[in-house]
Amino acid sequence: MLDGSDLYALDISGASFVTAKVCGGPCSEGCVTLARVGDDAWALGDSKRPDAQPLRFTTAELDAAGIDPARFGLPS
């Protein structure tokens, strides 16, 4: 199981971030983006702040936060 330091050691330079499908029209505050970056690893970003370092989560942490990859069109 990955821990916080393992997650941030992953190279995400080639990750394909997708925007939540529930974002709808123009995002006034920013849209959440998500990418799978490993077997049990995800990166969560903000489309309005593309230079900000995305947060990293394990699948269990993503579930605990109530973030469903299906909302992004991604398999869990």
C-alpha atoms as a PDB file:
ATOM      1  CA  MET A   1       0.000   0.000   0.000  1.00  0.00           C
ATOM      2  CA  LEU A   2       1.290   3.426  -0.904  1.00  0.00           C
ATOM      3  CA  ASP A   3       1.748   6.133   1.710  1.00  0.00           C
ATOM      4  CA  GLY A   4       1.944   9.904   1.331  1.00  0.00           C
ATOM      5  CA  SER A   5       5.646  10.053   0.493  1.00  0.00           C
ATOM      6  CA  ASP A   6       5.279   7.239  -2.074  1.00  0.00           C
ATOM      7  CA  LEU A   7       2.400   9.058  -3.754  1.00  0.00           C
ATOM      8  CA  TYR A   8       4.361  12.276  -4.159  1.00  0.00           C
ATOM      9  CA  ALA A   9       7.374  10.383  -5.506  1.00  0.00           C
ATOM     10  CA  LEU A  10       5.335   9.187  -8.519  1.00  0.00           C
ATOM     11  CA  ASP A  11       6.067  10.889 -11.825  1.00  0.00           C
ATOM     12  CA  ILE A  12       2.825  12.439 -13.054  1.00  0.00           C
ATOM     13  CA  SER A  13       4.289  14.416 -15.951  1.00  0.00           C
ATOM     14  CA  GLY A  14       2.474  12.221 -18.484  1.00  0.00           C
ATOM     15  CA  ALA A  15      -0.789  11.926 -16.550  1.00  0.00           C
ATOM     16  CA  SER A  16      -4.015  12.611 -18.439  1.00  0.00           C
ATOM     17  CA  PHE A  17      -6.222  14.753 -16.219  1.00  0.00           C
ATOM     18  CA  VAL A  18      -9.944  14.850 -16.947  1.00  0.00           C
ATOM     19  CA  THR A  19     -12.529  17.322 -15.654  1.00  0.00           C
ATOM     20  CA  ALA A  20     -15.492  16.159 -13.610  1.00  0.00           C
ATOM     21  CA  LYS A  21     -18.489  15.552 -15.857  1.00  0.00           C
ATOM     22  CA  VAL A  22     -20.745  17.234 -13.268  1.00  0.00           C
ATOM     23  CA  CYS A  23     -18.857  20.500 -13.692  1.00  0.00           C
ATOM     24  CA  GLY A  24     -21.366  21.434 -16.366  1.00  0.00           C
ATOM     25  CA  GLY A  25     -21.006  24.863 -17.957  1.00  0.00           C
ATOM     26  CA  PRO A  26     -18.280  27.379 -17.300  1.00  0.00           C
ATOM     27  CA  CYS A  27     -16.654  26.912 -13.937  1.00  0.00           C
ATOM     28  CA  SER A  28     -16.652  30.139 -11.984  1.00  0.00           C
ATOM     29  CA  GLU A  29     -14.435  28.934  -9.150  1.00  0.00           C
ATOM     30  CA  GLY A  30     -12.454  26.242 -10.959  1.00  0.00           C
ATOM     31  CA  CYS A  31     -13.050  22.662 -11.933  1.00  0.00           C
ATOM     32  CA  VAL A  32     -11.678  19.597 -10.256  1.00  0.00           C
ATOM     33  CA  THR A  33      -9.517  17.374 -12.445  1.00  0.00           C
ATOM     34  CA  LEU A  34      -8.491  13.789 -11.746  1.00  0.00           C
ATOM     35  CA  ALA A  35      -5.932  11.380 -13.184  1.00  0.00           C
ATOM     36  CA  ARG A  36      -4.973   7.814 -12.343  1.00  0.00           C
ATOM     37  CA  VAL A  37      -1.238   7.889 -11.721  1.00  0.00           C
ATOM     38  CA  GLY A  38      -0.683   4.303 -10.563  1.00  0.00           C
ATOM     39  CA  ASP A  39      -2.446   1.056  -9.654  1.00  0.00           C
ATOM     40  CA  ASP A  40      -3.605   2.539  -6.345  1.00  0.00           C
ATOM     41  CA  ALA A  41      -2.819   6.213  -6.905  1.00  0.00           C
ATOM     42  CA  TRP A  42      -4.704   9.290  -8.076  1.00  0.00           C
ATOM     43  CA  ALA A  43      -3.839  12.938  -8.580  1.00  0.00           C
ATOM     44  CA  LEU A  44      -6.484  15.609  -7.999  1.00  0.00           C
ATOM     45  CA  GLY A  45      -5.951  19.021  -9.518  1.00  0.00           C
ATOM     46  CA  ASP A  46      -7.663  22.336 -10.281  1.00  0.00           C
ATOM     47  CA  SER A  47      -8.095  23.405 -13.899  1.00  0.00           C
ATOM     48  CA  LYS A  48      -8.025  27.076 -12.898  1.00  0.00           C
ATOM     49  CA  ARG A  49      -4.623  26.601 -11.239  1.00  0.00           C
ATOM     50  CA  PRO A  50      -2.676  24.398 -13.675  1.00  0.00           C
ATOM     51  CA  ASP A  51       0.667  25.348 -12.095  1.00  0.00           C
ATOM     52  CA  ALA A  52      -0.419  24.176  -8.626  1.00  0.00           C
ATOM     53  CA  GLN A  53       0.854  20.768  -7.517  1.00  0.00           C
ATOM     54  CA  PRO A  54      -2.044  18.255  -7.666  1.00  0.00           C
ATOM     55  CA  LEU A  55      -2.953  16.498  -4.442  1.00  0.00           C
ATOM     56  CA  ARG A  56      -2.303  12.747  -4.364  1.00  0.00           C
ATOM     57  CA  PHE A  57      -4.571  10.050  -2.955  1.00  0.00           C
ATOM     58  CA  THR A  58      -4.748   6.281  -2.734  1.00  0.00           C
ATOM     59  CA  THR A  59      -7.984   4.700  -3.978  1.00  0.00           C
ATOM     60  CA  ALA A  60      -9.110   4.173  -0.364  1.00  0.00           C
ATOM     61  CA  GLU A  61      -8.446   7.839   0.463  1.00  0.00           C
ATOM     62  CA  LEU A  62     -10.313   8.960  -2.640  1.00  0.00           C
ATOM     63  CA  ASP A  63     -13.275   6.784  -1.588  1.00  0.00           C
ATOM     64  CA  ALA A  64     -13.149   8.149   1.969  1.00  0.00           C
ATOM     65  CA  ALA A  65     -13.246  11.700   0.574  1.00  0.00           C
ATOM     66  CA  GLY A  66     -16.361  10.809  -1.438  1.00  0.00           C
ATOM     67  CA  ILE A  67     -14.663  11.325  -4.797  1.00  0.00           C
ATOM     68  CA  ASP A  68     -15.940   8.886  -7.400  1.00  0.00           C
ATOM     69  CA  PRO A  69     -13.721   8.445 -10.480  1.00  0.00           C
ATOM     70  CA  ALA A  70     -16.880   7.592 -12.465  1.00  0.00           C
ATOM     71  CA  ARG A  71     -17.873  11.287 -12.230  1.00  0.00           C
ATOM     72  CA  PHE A  72     -14.808  11.937 -14.354  1.00  0.00           C
ATOM     73  CA  GLY A  73     -15.533   9.110 -16.779  1.00  0.00           C
ATOM     74  CA  LEU A  74     -12.707   7.065 -15.239  1.00  0.00           C
ATOM     75  CA  PRO A  75     -12.919   3.465 -14.007  1.00  0.00           C
ATOM     76  CA  SER A  76     -12.227   3.056 -10.302  1.00  0.00           C
END
